[in-house]
Amino acid sequence: QVQLVESGGGLVQAGGSLRLTCTASGRTFSNNAMGWFRQAPGKERECVALISWNSISYYADSVKGRFTIARDKAMNTVFLQMNSLKPEDTAVYFCAVDQQPLRMGLTSRPGDYSYWGQGTQVTVSS
């Protein structure tokens, strides 16, 4: 049974930093892209950052220059370093795994991701 478990969320003041971690178990995903999405109350789930099986990364414009995604294939883990946090970054953050191994390029569509974690709350106070 595949499980994705996120950790590292919390409450932080604007300008602060958090590091999210997502560890997968039950299968190895070294050939799949992994990503972070977020969903704020009343809003649709949106893509934040992605990293491909060959370490190509993608960032939403709203987080470019502030967030960094990385992965440790040996540990089946993906990280999201979030710096210079803003109140508008407040959301539940989810990690996910692309359903298609060895995909050429990256997809930001949530429907292309087949495994999801339970989410971790990030709250940024002003």
PDB file of N, CA and C in Angstrom:
ATOM      1  N   GLN A   1       0.843  -1.190   0.000  1.00  0.00           N
ATOM      2  CA  GLN A   1       0.000   0.000   0.000  1.00  0.00           C
ATOM      3  C   GLN A   1       0.881   1.242   0.000  1.00  0.00           C
ATOM      4  N   VAL A   2       0.634   2.122  -0.956  1.00  0.00           N
ATOM      5  CA  VAL A   2       1.431   3.344  -1.059  1.00  0.00           C
ATOM      6  C   VAL A   2       0.930   4.385  -0.071  1.00  0.00           C
ATOM      7  N   GLN A   3       1.872   4.999   0.615  1.00  0.00           N
ATOM      8  CA  GLN A   3       1.544   6.105   1.519  1.00  0.00           C
ATOM      9  C   GLN A   3       2.531   7.229   1.309  1.00  0.00           C
ATOM     10  N   LEU A   4       2.019   8.444   1.315  1.00  0.00           N
ATOM     11  CA  LEU A   4       2.848   9.639   1.306  1.00  0.00           C
ATOM     12  C   LEU A   4       2.561  10.382   2.600  1.00  0.00           C
ATOM     13  N   VAL A   5       3.609  10.688   3.337  1.00  0.00           N
ATOM     14  CA  VAL A   5       3.431  11.358   4.623  1.00  0.00           C
ATOM     15  C   VAL A   5       4.211  12.658   4.615  1.00  0.00           C
ATOM     16  N   GLU A   6       3.473  13.776   4.774  1.00  0.00           N
ATOM     17  CA  GLU A   6       4.100  15.094   4.827  1.00  0.00           C
ATOM     18  C   GLU A   6       4.355  15.496   6.268  1.00  0.00           C
ATOM     19  N   SER A   7       5.364  16.328   6.439  1.00  0.00           N
ATOM     20  CA  SER A   7       5.634  16.914   7.752  1.00  0.00           C
ATOM     21  C   SER A   7       6.324  18.253   7.539  1.00  0.00           C
ATOM     22  N   GLY A   8       6.379  19.034   8.614  1.00  0.00           N
ATOM     23  CA  GLY A   8       7.113  20.293   8.571  1.00  0.00           C
ATOM     24  C   GLY A   8       6.269  21.546   8.510  1.00  0.00           C
ATOM     25  N   GLY A   9       4.963  21.379   8.398  1.00  0.00           N
ATOM     26  CA  GLY A   9       4.108  22.552   8.384  1.00  0.00           C
ATOM     27  C   GLY A   9       4.047  23.199   9.759  1.00  0.00           C
ATOM     28  N   GLY A  10       3.397  24.360   9.815  1.00  0.00           N
ATOM     29  CA  GLY A  10       3.253  25.049  11.096  1.00  0.00           C
ATOM     30  C   GLY A  10       2.880  26.488  10.914  1.00  0.00           C
ATOM     31  N   LEU A  11       3.012  27.229  12.003  1.00  0.00           N
ATOM     32  CA  LEU A  11       2.706  28.652  12.034  1.00  0.00           C
ATOM     33  C   LEU A  11       4.012  29.432  12.043  1.00  0.00           C
ATOM     34  N   VAL A  12       4.113  30.400  11.143  1.00  0.00           N
ATOM     35  CA  VAL A  12       5.336  31.195  11.043  1.00  0.00           C
ATOM     36  C   VAL A  12       4.957  32.629  10.709  1.00  0.00           C
ATOM     37  N   GLN A  13       5.779  33.558  11.123  1.00  0.00           N
ATOM     38  CA  GLN A  13       5.544  34.963  10.792  1.00  0.00           C
ATOM     39  C   GLN A  13       5.986  35.247   9.366  1.00  0.00           C
ATOM     40  N   ALA A  14       5.386  36.260   8.789  1.00  0.00           N
ATOM     41  CA  ALA A  14       5.778  36.671   7.440  1.00  0.00           C
ATOM     42  C   ALA A  14       7.282  36.943   7.408  1.00  0.00           C
ATOM     43  N   GLY A  15       7.915  36.474   6.335  1.00  0.00           N
ATOM     44  CA  GLY A  15       9.359  36.599   6.211  1.00  0.00           C
ATOM     45  C   GLY A  15      10.123  35.398   6.730  1.00  0.00           C
ATOM     46  N   GLY A  16       9.433  34.511   7.415  1.00  0.00           N
ATOM     47  CA  GLY A  16      10.075  33.336   7.977  1.00  0.00           C
ATOM     48  C   GLY A  16      10.206  32.202   6.978  1.00  0.00           C
ATOM     49  N   SER A  17      10.684  31.074   7.485  1.00  0.00           N
ATOM     50  CA  SER A  17      10.954  29.912   6.636  1.00  0.00           C
ATOM     51  C   SER A  17      10.373  28.644   7.242  1.00  0.00           C
ATOM     52  N   LEU A  18      10.048  27.710   6.369  1.00  0.00           N
ATOM     53  CA  LEU A  18       9.652  26.371   6.765  1.00  0.00           C
ATOM     54  C   LEU A  18      10.208  25.396   5.748  1.00  0.00           C
ATOM     55  N   ARG A  19      10.425  24.172   6.188  1.00  0.00           N
ATOM     56  CA  ARG A  19      10.876  23.118   5.286  1.00  0.00           C
ATOM     57  C   ARG A  19       9.906  21.944   5.388  1.00  0.00           C
ATOM     58  N   LEU A  20       9.252  21.645   4.287  1.00  0.00           N
ATOM     59  CA  LEU A  20       8.326  20.526   4.241  1.00  0.00           C
ATOM     60  C   LEU A  20       9.048  19.282   3.734  1.00  0.00           C
ATOM     61  N   THR A  21       8.669  18.151   4.291  1.00  0.00           N
ATOM     62  CA  THR A  21       9.229  16.862   3.883  1.00  0.00           C
ATOM     63  C   THR A  21       8.088  15.917   3.569  1.00  0.00           C
ATOM     64  N   CYS A  22       8.258  15.137   2.526  1.00  0.00           N
ATOM     65  CA  CYS A  22       7.270  14.118   2.153  1.00  0.00           C
ATOM     66  C   CYS A  22       8.018  12.814   1.861  1.00  0.00           C
ATOM     67  N   THR A  23       7.673  11.788   2.601  1.00  0.00           N
ATOM     68  CA  THR A  23       8.303  10.485   2.397  1.00  0.00           C
ATOM     69  C   THR A  23       7.275   9.482   1.913  1.00  0.00           C
ATOM     70  N   ALA A  24       7.627   8.795   0.841  1.00  0.00           N
ATOM     71  CA  ALA A  24       6.744   7.785   0.266  1.00  0.00           C
ATOM     72  C   ALA A  24       7.157   6.396   0.734  1.00  0.00           C
ATOM     73  N   SER A  25       6.182   5.550   0.923  1.00  0.00           N
ATOM     74  CA  SER A  25       6.446   4.155   1.280  1.00  0.00           C
ATOM     75  C   SER A  25       5.521   3.266   0.473  1.00  0.00           C
ATOM     76  N   GLY A  26       5.911   2.014   0.360  1.00  0.00           N
ATOM     77  CA  GLY A  26       5.088   1.052  -0.362  1.00  0.00           C
ATOM     78  C   GLY A  26       5.523   0.822  -1.794  1.00  0.00           C
ATOM     79  N   ARG A  27       6.228   1.793  -2.356  1.00  0.00           N
ATOM     80  CA  ARG A  27       6.753   1.687  -3.730  1.00  0.00           C
ATOM     81  C   ARG A  27       7.908   2.637  -3.879  1.00  0.00           C
ATOM     82  N   THR A  28       8.760   2.368  -4.843  1.00  0.00           N
ATOM     83  CA  THR A  28       9.846   3.285  -5.167  1.00  0.00           C
ATOM     84  C   THR A  28       9.403   4.178  -6.320  1.00  0.00           C
ATOM     85  N   PHE A  29       9.635   5.487  -6.169  1.00  0.00           N
ATOM     86  CA  PHE A  29       9.186   6.443  -7.193  1.00  0.00           C
ATOM     87  C   PHE A  29      10.352   7.167  -7.857  1.00  0.00           C
ATOM     88  N   SER A  30      11.482   6.510  -7.974  1.00  0.00           N
ATOM     89  CA  SER A  30      12.650   7.179  -8.547  1.00  0.00           C
ATOM     90  C   SER A  30      12.433   7.548 -10.024  1.00  0.00           C
ATOM     91  N   ASN A  31      11.508   6.901 -10.703  1.00  0.00           N
ATOM     92  CA  ASN A  31      11.236   7.208 -12.108  1.00  0.00           C
ATOM     93  C   ASN A  31       9.991   8.072 -12.306  1.00  0.00           C
ATOM     94  N   ASN A  32       9.477   8.623 -11.230  1.00  0.00           N
ATOM     95  CA  ASN A  32       8.275   9.463 -11.309  1.00  0.00           C
ATOM     96  C   ASN A  32       8.578  10.866 -10.815  1.00  0.00           C
ATOM     97  N   ALA A  33       7.945  11.837 -11.470  1.00  0.00           N
ATOM     98  CA  ALA A  33       8.012  13.197 -10.931  1.00  0.00           C
ATOM     99  C   ALA A  33       7.234  13.250  -9.616  1.00  0.00           C
ATOM    100  N   MET A  34       7.678  14.140  -8.760  1.00  0.00           N
ATOM    101  CA  MET A  34       6.964  14.395  -7.523  1.00  0.00           C
ATOM    102  C   MET A  34       6.740  15.893  -7.399  1.00  0.00           C
ATOM    103  N   GLY A  35       5.732  16.252  -6.658  1.00  0.00           N
ATOM    104  CA  GLY A  35       5.441  17.676  -6.585  1.00  0.00           C
ATOM    105  C   GLY A  35       4.733  18.081  -5.314  1.00  0.00           C
ATOM    106  N   TRP A  36       4.653  19.380  -5.133  1.00  0.00           N
ATOM    107  CA  TRP A  36       3.926  19.993  -4.026  1.00  0.00           C
ATOM    108  C   TRP A  36       2.804  20.846  -4.599  1.00  0.00           C
ATOM    109  N   PHE A  37       1.639  20.667  -4.038  1.00  0.00           N
ATOM    110  CA  PHE A  37       0.469  21.463  -4.374  1.00  0.00           C
ATOM    111  C   PHE A  37      -0.044  22.102  -3.089  1.00  0.00           C
ATOM    112  N   ARG A  38      -0.883  23.097  -3.214  1.00  0.00           N
ATOM    113  CA  ARG A  38      -1.480  23.699  -2.024  1.00  0.00           C
ATOM    114  C   ARG A  38      -2.917  24.099  -2.312  1.00  0.00           C
ATOM    115  N   GLN A  39      -3.676  24.158  -1.234  1.00  0.00           N
ATOM    116  CA  GLN A  39      -5.072  24.546  -1.360  1.00  0.00           C
ATOM    117  C   GLN A  39      -5.452  25.413  -0.174  1.00  0.00           C
ATOM    118  N   ALA A  40      -5.853  26.634  -0.489  1.00  0.00           N
ATOM    119  CA  ALA A  40      -6.327  27.569   0.530  1.00  0.00           C
ATOM    120  C   ALA A  40      -7.847  27.461   0.623  1.00  0.00           C
ATOM    121  N   PRO A  41      -8.427  27.853   1.746  1.00  0.00           N
ATOM    122  CA  PRO A  41      -9.884  27.765   1.902  1.00  0.00           C
ATOM    123  C   PRO A  41     -10.614  28.499   0.787  1.00  0.00           C
ATOM    124  N   GLY A  42     -11.573  27.827   0.172  1.00  0.00           N
ATOM    125  CA  GLY A  42     -12.380  28.434  -0.882  1.00  0.00           C
ATOM    126  C   GLY A  42     -11.698  28.540  -2.231  1.00  0.00           C
ATOM    127  N   LYS A  43     -10.490  27.984  -2.333  1.00  0.00           N
ATOM    128  CA  LYS A  43      -9.753  28.067  -3.600  1.00  0.00           C
ATOM    129  C   LYS A  43      -9.463  26.676  -4.139  1.00  0.00           C
ATOM    130  N   GLU A  44      -9.148  26.635  -5.425  1.00  0.00           N
ATOM    131  CA  GLU A  44      -8.793  25.363  -6.047  1.00  0.00           C
ATOM    132  C   GLU A  44      -7.370  24.968  -5.662  1.00  0.00           C
ATOM    133  N   ARG A  45      -7.111  23.655  -5.744  1.00  0.00           N
ATOM    134  CA  ARG A  45      -5.756  23.185  -5.499  1.00  0.00           C
ATOM    135  C   ARG A  45      -4.851  23.683  -6.626  1.00  0.00           C
ATOM    136  N   GLU A  46      -3.691  24.202  -6.256  1.00  0.00           N
ATOM    137  CA  GLU A  46      -2.772  24.728  -7.247  1.00  0.00           C
ATOM    138  C   GLU A  46      -1.388  24.118  -7.091  1.00  0.00           C
ATOM    139  N   CYS A  47      -0.709  24.038  -8.213  1.00  0.00           N
ATOM    140  CA  CYS A  47       0.646  23.508  -8.217  1.00  0.00           C
ATOM    141  C   CYS A  47       1.614  24.559  -7.681  1.00  0.00           C
ATOM    142  N   VAL A  48       2.509  24.119  -6.817  1.00  0.00           N
ATOM    143  CA  VAL A  48       3.506  25.021  -6.233  1.00  0.00           C
ATOM    144  C   VAL A  48       4.882  24.757  -6.843  1.00  0.00           C
ATOM    145  N   ALA A  49       5.318  23.499  -6.804  1.00  0.00           N
ATOM    146  CA  ALA A  49       6.640  23.145  -7.310  1.00  0.00           C
ATOM    147  C   ALA A  49       6.647  21.672  -7.687  1.00  0.00           C
ATOM    148  N   LEU A  50       7.431  21.373  -8.722  1.00  0.00           N
ATOM    149  CA  LEU A  50       7.550  20.005  -9.219  1.00  0.00           C
ATOM    150  C   LEU A  50       9.000  19.668  -9.445  1.00  0.00           C
ATOM    151  N   ILE A  51       9.325  18.379  -9.363  1.00  0.00           N
ATOM    152  CA  ILE A  51      10.665  17.928  -9.715  1.00  0.00           C
ATOM    153  C   ILE A  51      10.532  16.614 -10.469  1.00  0.00           C
ATOM    154  N   SER A  52      11.166  16.548 -11.611  1.00  0.00           N
ATOM    155  CA  SER A  52      11.017  15.381 -12.477  1.00  0.00           C
ATOM    156  C   SER A  52      11.907  14.234 -12.016  1.00  0.00           C
ATOM    157  N   TRP A  53      11.754  13.100 -12.690  1.00  0.00           N
ATOM    158  CA  TRP A  53      12.567  11.928 -12.372  1.00  0.00           C
ATOM    159  C   TRP A  53      14.048  12.196 -12.657  1.00  0.00           C
ATOM    160  N   ASN A  54      14.329  13.155 -13.579  1.00  0.00           N
ATOM    161  CA  ASN A  54      15.722  13.505 -13.900  1.00  0.00           C
ATOM    162  C   ASN A  54      16.065  14.903 -13.380  1.00  0.00           C
ATOM    163  N   SER A  55      15.365  15.295 -12.295  1.00  0.00           N
ATOM    164  CA  SER A  55      15.701  16.493 -11.507  1.00  0.00           C
ATOM    165  C   SER A  55      15.479  17.825 -12.198  1.00  0.00           C
ATOM    166  N   ILE A  56      14.615  17.864 -13.181  1.00  0.00           N
ATOM    167  CA  ILE A  56      14.168  19.146 -13.725  1.00  0.00           C
ATOM    168  C   ILE A  56      13.109  19.697 -12.782  1.00  0.00           C
ATOM    169  N   SER A  57      13.208  20.988 -12.470  1.00  0.00           N
ATOM    170  CA  SER A  57      12.263  21.569 -11.532  1.00  0.00           C
ATOM    171  C   SER A  57      11.384  22.627 -12.194  1.00  0.00           C
ATOM    172  N   TYR A  58      10.239  22.835 -11.587  1.00  0.00           N
ATOM    173  CA  TYR A  58       9.272  23.839 -12.042  1.00  0.00           C
ATOM    174  C   TYR A  58       8.715  24.526 -10.800  1.00  0.00           C
ATOM    175  N   TYR A  59       8.495  25.830 -10.918  1.00  0.00           N
ATOM    176  CA  TYR A  59       7.916  26.599  -9.826  1.00  0.00           C
ATOM    177  C   TYR A  59       6.791  27.480 -10.344  1.00  0.00           C
ATOM    178  N   ALA A  60       5.751  27.587  -9.569  1.00  0.00           N
ATOM    179  CA  ALA A  60       4.721  28.567  -9.874  1.00  0.00           C
ATOM    180  C   ALA A  60       5.324  29.967  -9.763  1.00  0.00           C
ATOM    181  N   ASP A  61       4.825  30.871 -10.566  1.00  0.00           N
ATOM    182  CA  ASP A  61       5.362  32.238 -10.551  1.00  0.00           C
ATOM    183  C   ASP A  61       5.297  32.853  -9.162  1.00  0.00           C
ATOM    184  N   SER A  62       4.272  32.504  -8.409  1.00  0.00           N
ATOM    185  CA  SER A  62       4.062  33.128  -7.100  1.00  0.00           C
ATOM    186  C   SER A  62       5.113  32.729  -6.076  1.00  0.00           C
ATOM    187  N   VAL A  63       5.857  31.638  -6.328  1.00  0.00           N
ATOM    188  CA  VAL A  63       6.843  31.179  -5.347  1.00  0.00           C
ATOM    189  C   VAL A  63       8.265  31.187  -5.900  1.00  0.00           C
ATOM    190  N   LYS A  64       8.414  31.537  -7.155  1.00  0.00           N
ATOM    191  CA  LYS A  64       9.737  31.520  -7.780  1.00  0.00           C
ATOM    192  C   LYS A  64      10.683  32.428  -7.022  1.00  0.00           C
ATOM    193  N   GLY A  65      11.886  31.927  -6.755  1.00  0.00           N
ATOM    194  CA  GLY A  65      12.881  32.710  -6.039  1.00  0.00           C
ATOM    195  C   GLY A  65      12.770  32.608  -4.531  1.00  0.00           C
ATOM    196  N   ARG A  66      11.665  32.032  -4.040  1.00  0.00           N
ATOM    197  CA  ARG A  66      11.472  31.906  -2.586  1.00  0.00           C
ATOM    198  C   ARG A  66      11.445  30.446  -2.150  1.00  0.00           C
ATOM    199  N   PHE A  67      10.910  29.564  -2.991  1.00  0.00           N
ATOM    200  CA  PHE A  67      10.781  28.155  -2.647  1.00  0.00           C
ATOM    201  C   PHE A  67      11.782  27.329  -3.466  1.00  0.00           C
ATOM    202  N   THR A  68      12.256  26.234  -2.880  1.00  0.00           N
ATOM    203  CA  THR A  68      13.153  25.318  -3.567  1.00  0.00           C
ATOM    204  C   THR A  68      12.694  23.889  -3.323  1.00  0.00           C
ATOM    205  N   ILE A  69      12.549  23.144  -4.407  1.00  0.00           N
ATOM    206  CA  ILE A  69      12.171  21.739  -4.303  1.00  0.00           C
ATOM    207  C   ILE A  69      13.404  20.881  -4.534  1.00  0.00           C
ATOM    208  N   ALA A  70      13.483  19.789  -3.801  1.00  0.00           N
ATOM    209  CA  ALA A  70      14.597  18.846  -3.949  1.00  0.00           C
ATOM    210  C   ALA A  70      14.067  17.452  -3.626  1.00  0.00           C
ATOM    211  N   ARG A  71      14.811  16.441  -4.063  1.00  0.00           N
ATOM    212  CA  ARG A  71      14.397  15.082  -3.760  1.00  0.00           C
ATOM    213  C   ARG A  71      15.611  14.229  -3.432  1.00  0.00           C
ATOM    214  N   ASP A  72      15.357  13.228  -2.642  1.00  0.00           N
ATOM    215  CA  ASP A  72      16.355  12.222  -2.313  1.00  0.00           C
ATOM    216  C   ASP A  72      15.771  10.888  -2.772  1.00  0.00           C
ATOM    217  N   LYS A  73      16.247  10.422  -3.914  1.00  0.00           N
ATOM    218  CA  LYS A  73      15.656   9.211  -4.490  1.00  0.00           C
ATOM    219  C   LYS A  73      15.895   8.006  -3.599  1.00  0.00           C
ATOM    220  N   ALA A  74      17.061   7.955  -3.002  1.00  0.00           N
ATOM    221  CA  ALA A  74      17.375   6.798  -2.157  1.00  0.00           C
ATOM    222  C   ALA A  74      16.400   6.702  -0.988  1.00  0.00           C
ATOM    223  N   MET A  75      15.939   7.875  -0.516  1.00  0.00           N
ATOM    224  CA  MET A  75      15.039   7.914   0.629  1.00  0.00           C
ATOM    225  C   MET A  75      13.582   8.027   0.205  1.00  0.00           C
ATOM    226  N   ASN A  76      13.333   8.081  -1.131  1.00  0.00           N
ATOM    227  CA  ASN A  76      11.955   8.196  -1.617  1.00  0.00           C
ATOM    228  C   ASN A  76      11.269   9.420  -1.018  1.00  0.00           C
ATOM    229  N   THR A  77      12.036  10.510  -0.948  1.00  0.00           N
ATOM    230  CA  THR A  77      11.591  11.694  -0.220  1.00  0.00           C
ATOM    231  C   THR A  77      11.711  12.933  -1.099  1.00  0.00           C
ATOM    232  N   VAL A  78      10.773  13.844  -0.935  1.00  0.00           N
ATOM    233  CA  VAL A  78      10.832  15.130  -1.612  1.00  0.00           C
ATOM    234  C   VAL A  78      10.695  16.231  -0.552  1.00  0.00           C
ATOM    235  N   PHE A  79      11.423  17.312  -0.762  1.00  0.00           N
ATOM    236  CA  PHE A  79      11.460  18.414   0.183  1.00  0.00           C
ATOM    237  C   PHE A  79      10.974  19.693  -0.493  1.00  0.00           C
ATOM    238  N   LEU A  80      10.478  20.608   0.332  1.00  0.00           N
ATOM    239  CA  LEU A  80      10.145  21.943  -0.154  1.00  0.00           C
ATOM    240  C   LEU A  80      10.649  22.949   0.872  1.00  0.00           C
ATOM    241  N   GLN A  81      11.704  23.656   0.514  1.00  0.00           N
ATOM    242  CA  GLN A  81      12.229  24.721   1.369  1.00  0.00           C
ATOM    243  C   GLN A  81      11.498  26.002   1.006  1.00  0.00           C
ATOM    244  N   MET A  82      10.854  26.588   1.994  1.00  0.00           N
ATOM    245  CA  MET A  82      10.060  27.793   1.766  1.00  0.00           C
ATOM    246  C   MET A  82      10.650  28.945   2.559  1.00  0.00           C
ATOM    247  N   ASN A  83      11.144  29.944   1.859  1.00  0.00           N
ATOM    248  CA  ASN A  83      11.724  31.125   2.483  1.00  0.00           C
ATOM    249  C   ASN A  83      10.885  32.352   2.160  1.00  0.00           C
ATOM    250  N   SER A  84      11.123  33.404   2.914  1.00  0.00           N
ATOM    251  CA  SER A  84      10.421  34.675   2.700  1.00  0.00           C
ATOM    252  C   SER A  84       8.914  34.460   2.584  1.00  0.00           C
ATOM    253  N   LEU A  85       8.387  33.723   3.504  1.00  0.00           N
ATOM    254  CA  LEU A  85       6.971  33.362   3.437  1.00  0.00           C
ATOM    255  C   LEU A  85       6.074  34.591   3.583  1.00  0.00           C
ATOM    256  N   LYS A  86       4.949  34.531   2.877  1.00  0.00           N
ATOM    257  CA  LYS A  86       3.975  35.620   2.876  1.00  0.00           C
ATOM    258  C   LYS A  86       2.632  35.089   3.376  1.00  0.00           C
ATOM    259  N   PRO A  87       1.782  35.957   3.892  1.00  0.00           N
ATOM    260  CA  PRO A  87       0.457  35.496   4.341  1.00  0.00           C
ATOM    261  C   PRO A  87      -0.313  34.764   3.246  1.00  0.00           C
ATOM    262  N   GLU A  88      -0.121  35.159   2.004  1.00  0.00           N
ATOM    263  CA  GLU A  88      -0.831  34.491   0.901  1.00  0.00           C
ATOM    264  C   GLU A  88      -0.312  33.084   0.613  1.00  0.00           C
ATOM    265  N   ASP A  89       0.753  32.670   1.284  1.00  0.00           N
ATOM    266  CA  ASP A  89       1.223  31.289   1.174  1.00  0.00           C
ATOM    267  C   ASP A  89       0.453  30.355   2.110  1.00  0.00           C
ATOM    268  N   THR A  90      -0.389  30.915   2.946  1.00  0.00           N
ATOM    269  CA  THR A  90      -1.169  30.103   3.882  1.00  0.00           C
ATOM    270  C   THR A  90      -2.082  29.145   3.128  1.00  0.00           C
ATOM    271  N   ALA A  91      -1.955  27.864   3.444  1.00  0.00           N
ATOM    272  CA  ALA A  91      -2.729  26.825   2.760  1.00  0.00           C
ATOM    273  C   ALA A  91      -2.380  25.471   3.363  1.00  0.00           C
ATOM    274  N   VAL A  92      -3.133  24.467   2.947  1.00  0.00           N
ATOM    275  CA  VAL A  92      -2.725  23.088   3.212  1.00  0.00           C
ATOM    276  C   VAL A  92      -1.857  22.650   2.037  1.00  0.00           C
ATOM    277  N   TYR A  93      -0.693  22.144   2.353  1.00  0.00           N
ATOM    278  CA  TYR A  93       0.263  21.721   1.337  1.00  0.00           C
ATOM    279  C   TYR A  93       0.243  20.193   1.219  1.00  0.00           C
ATOM    280  N   PHE A  94       0.160  19.720  -0.026  1.00  0.00           N
ATOM    281  CA  PHE A  94       0.097  18.299  -0.318  1.00  0.00           C
ATOM    282  C   PHE A  94       1.274  17.900  -1.203  1.00  0.00           C
ATOM    283  N   CYS A  95       1.848  16.744  -0.948  1.00  0.00           N
ATOM    284  CA  CYS A  95       2.797  16.201  -1.914  1.00  0.00           C
ATOM    285  C   CYS A  95       2.075  15.152  -2.745  1.00  0.00           C
ATOM    286  N   ALA A  96       2.611  14.922  -3.944  1.00  0.00           N
ATOM    287  CA  ALA A  96       1.952  14.013  -4.870  1.00  0.00           C
ATOM    288  C   ALA A  96       2.974  13.389  -5.807  1.00  0.00           C
ATOM    289  N   VAL A  97       2.593  12.256  -6.386  1.00  0.00           N
ATOM    290  CA  VAL A  97       3.445  11.527  -7.316  1.00  0.00           C
ATOM    291  C   VAL A  97       2.762  11.429  -8.676  1.00  0.00           C
ATOM    292  N   ASP A  98       3.495  11.797  -9.723  1.00  0.00           N
ATOM    293  CA  ASP A  98       3.007  11.694 -11.099  1.00  0.00           C
ATOM    294  C   ASP A  98       2.718  10.228 -11.427  1.00  0.00           C
ATOM    295  N   GLN A  99       1.566   9.974 -12.018  1.00  0.00           N
ATOM    296  CA  GLN A  99       1.178   8.594 -12.310  1.00  0.00           C
ATOM    297  C   GLN A  99       1.991   7.980 -13.438  1.00  0.00           C
ATOM    298  N   GLN A 100       2.637   8.820 -14.267  1.00  0.00           N
ATOM    299  CA  GLN A 100       3.362   8.302 -15.427  1.00  0.00           C
ATOM    300  C   GLN A 100       4.864   8.313 -15.185  1.00  0.00           C
ATOM    301  N   PRO A 101       5.491   7.144 -15.107  1.00  0.00           N
ATOM    302  CA  PRO A 101       6.948   7.136 -14.944  1.00  0.00           C
ATOM    303  C   PRO A 101       7.657   7.610 -16.217  1.00  0.00           C
ATOM    304  N   LEU A 102       8.829   8.194 -16.000  1.00  0.00           N
ATOM    305  CA  LEU A 102       9.695   8.636 -17.104  1.00  0.00           C
ATOM    306  C   LEU A 102       8.972   9.586 -18.077  1.00  0.00           C
ATOM    307  N   ARG A 103       8.063  10.387 -17.536  1.00  0.00           N
ATOM    308  CA  ARG A 103       7.364  11.373 -18.375  1.00  0.00           C
ATOM    309  C   ARG A 103       8.383  12.372 -18.921  1.00  0.00           C
ATOM    310  N   MET A 104       8.211  12.754 -20.180  1.00  0.00           N
ATOM    311  CA  MET A 104       9.067  13.801 -20.745  1.00  0.00           C
ATOM    312  C   MET A 104       8.469  15.142 -20.342  1.00  0.00           C
ATOM    313  N   GLY A 105       9.217  15.905 -19.594  1.00  0.00           N
ATOM    314  CA  GLY A 105       8.698  17.173 -19.101  1.00  0.00           C
ATOM    315  C   GLY A 105       7.926  16.991 -17.800  1.00  0.00           C
ATOM    316  N   LEU A 106       7.199  18.015 -17.416  1.00  0.00           N
ATOM    317  CA  LEU A 106       6.452  18.026 -16.163  1.00  0.00           C
ATOM    318  C   LEU A 106       5.006  18.436 -16.423  1.00  0.00           C
ATOM    319  N   THR A 107       4.120  17.937 -15.634  1.00  0.00           N
ATOM    320  CA  THR A 107       2.722  18.329 -15.719  1.00  0.00           C
ATOM    321  C   THR A 107       2.302  18.947 -14.394  1.00  0.00           C
ATOM    322  N   SER A 108       1.578  20.032 -14.445  1.00  0.00           N
ATOM    323  CA  SER A 108       1.111  20.697 -13.228  1.00  0.00           C
ATOM    324  C   SER A 108      -0.358  20.411 -12.943  1.00  0.00           C
ATOM    325  N   ARG A 109      -0.959  19.515 -13.723  1.00  0.00           N
ATOM    326  CA  ARG A 109      -2.378  19.211 -13.537  1.00  0.00           C
ATOM    327  C   ARG A 109      -2.552  18.211 -12.399  1.00  0.00           C
ATOM    328  N   PRO A 110      -3.296  18.558 -11.368  1.00  0.00           N
ATOM    329  CA  PRO A 110      -3.487  17.621 -10.250  1.00  0.00           C
ATOM    330  C   PRO A 110      -4.007  16.260 -10.696  1.00  0.00           C
ATOM    331  N   GLY A 111      -4.808  16.214 -11.762  1.00  0.00           N
ATOM    332  CA  GLY A 111      -5.365  14.950 -12.232  1.00  0.00           C
ATOM    333  C   GLY A 111      -4.331  13.979 -12.762  1.00  0.00           C
ATOM    334  N   ASP A 112      -3.131  14.471 -13.042  1.00  0.00           N
ATOM    335  CA  ASP A 112      -2.058  13.595 -13.534  1.00  0.00           C
ATOM    336  C   ASP A 112      -1.267  12.959 -12.398  1.00  0.00           C
ATOM    337  N   TYR A 113      -1.643  13.293 -11.166  1.00  0.00           N
ATOM    338  CA  TYR A 113      -0.940  12.767 -10.003  1.00  0.00           C
ATOM    339  C   TYR A 113      -1.823  11.745  -9.298  1.00  0.00           C
ATOM    340  N   SER A 114      -1.289  10.552  -9.133  1.00  0.00           N
ATOM    341  CA  SER A 114      -2.129   9.443  -8.678  1.00  0.00           C
ATOM    342  C   SER A 114      -2.028   9.176  -7.183  1.00  0.00           C
ATOM    343  N   TYR A 115      -0.959   9.592  -6.564  1.00  0.00           N
ATOM    344  CA  TYR A 115      -0.807   9.368  -5.129  1.00  0.00           C
ATOM    345  C   TYR A 115      -0.644  10.714  -4.439  1.00  0.00           C
ATOM    346  N   TRP A 116      -1.344  10.854  -3.300  1.00  0.00           N
ATOM    347  CA  TRP A 116      -1.352  12.114  -2.568  1.00  0.00           C
ATOM    348  C   TRP A 116      -1.144  11.864  -1.078  1.00  0.00           C
ATOM    349  N   GLY A 117      -0.457  12.809  -0.449  1.00  0.00           N
ATOM    350  CA  GLY A 117      -0.372  12.766   0.995  1.00  0.00           C
ATOM    351  C   GLY A 117      -1.611  13.362   1.624  1.00  0.00           C
ATOM    352  N   GLN A 118      -1.643  13.360   2.949  1.00  0.00           N
ATOM    353  CA  GLN A 118      -2.826  13.835   3.666  1.00  0.00           C
ATOM    354  C   GLN A 118      -2.822  15.354   3.832  1.00  0.00           C
ATOM    355  N   GLY A 119      -1.685  15.969   3.584  1.00  0.00           N
ATOM    356  CA  GLY A 119      -1.596  17.420   3.674  1.00  0.00           C
ATOM    357  C   GLY A 119      -1.016  17.882   4.995  1.00  0.00           C
ATOM    358  N   THR A 120      -0.347  19.020   4.957  1.00  0.00           N
ATOM    359  CA  THR A 120       0.183  19.657   6.160  1.00  0.00           C
ATOM    360  C   THR A 120      -0.137  21.140   6.091  1.00  0.00           C
ATOM    361  N   GLN A 121      -0.617  21.676   7.201  1.00  0.00           N
ATOM    362  CA  GLN A 121      -1.059  23.071   7.233  1.00  0.00           C
ATOM    363  C   GLN A 121       0.130  24.005   7.380  1.00  0.00           C
ATOM    364  N   VAL A 122       0.157  25.016   6.536  1.00  0.00           N
ATOM    365  CA  VAL A 122       1.130  26.105   6.655  1.00  0.00           C
ATOM    366  C   VAL A 122       0.341  27.395   6.857  1.00  0.00           C
ATOM    367  N   THR A 123       0.639  28.079   7.944  1.00  0.00           N
ATOM    368  CA  THR A 123      -0.036  29.336   8.246  1.00  0.00           C
ATOM    369  C   THR A 123       1.018  30.412   8.433  1.00  0.00           C
ATOM    370  N   VAL A 124       0.887  31.492   7.660  1.00  0.00           N
ATOM    371  CA  VAL A 124       1.829  32.604   7.734  1.00  0.00           C
ATOM    372  C   VAL A 124       1.081  33.824   8.256  1.00  0.00           C
ATOM    373  N   SER A 125       1.522  34.306   9.391  1.00  0.00           N
ATOM    374  CA  SER A 125       0.858  35.466  10.003  1.00  0.00           C
ATOM    375  C   SER A 125       1.544  36.756   9.559  1.00  0.00           C
ATOM    376  N   SER A 126       0.739  37.806   9.478  1.00  0.00           N
ATOM    377  CA  SER A 126       1.295  39.094   9.028  1.00  0.00           C
ATOM    378  C   SER A 126       1.828  39.897  10.190  1.00  0.00           C
TER     379      SER A 126
END
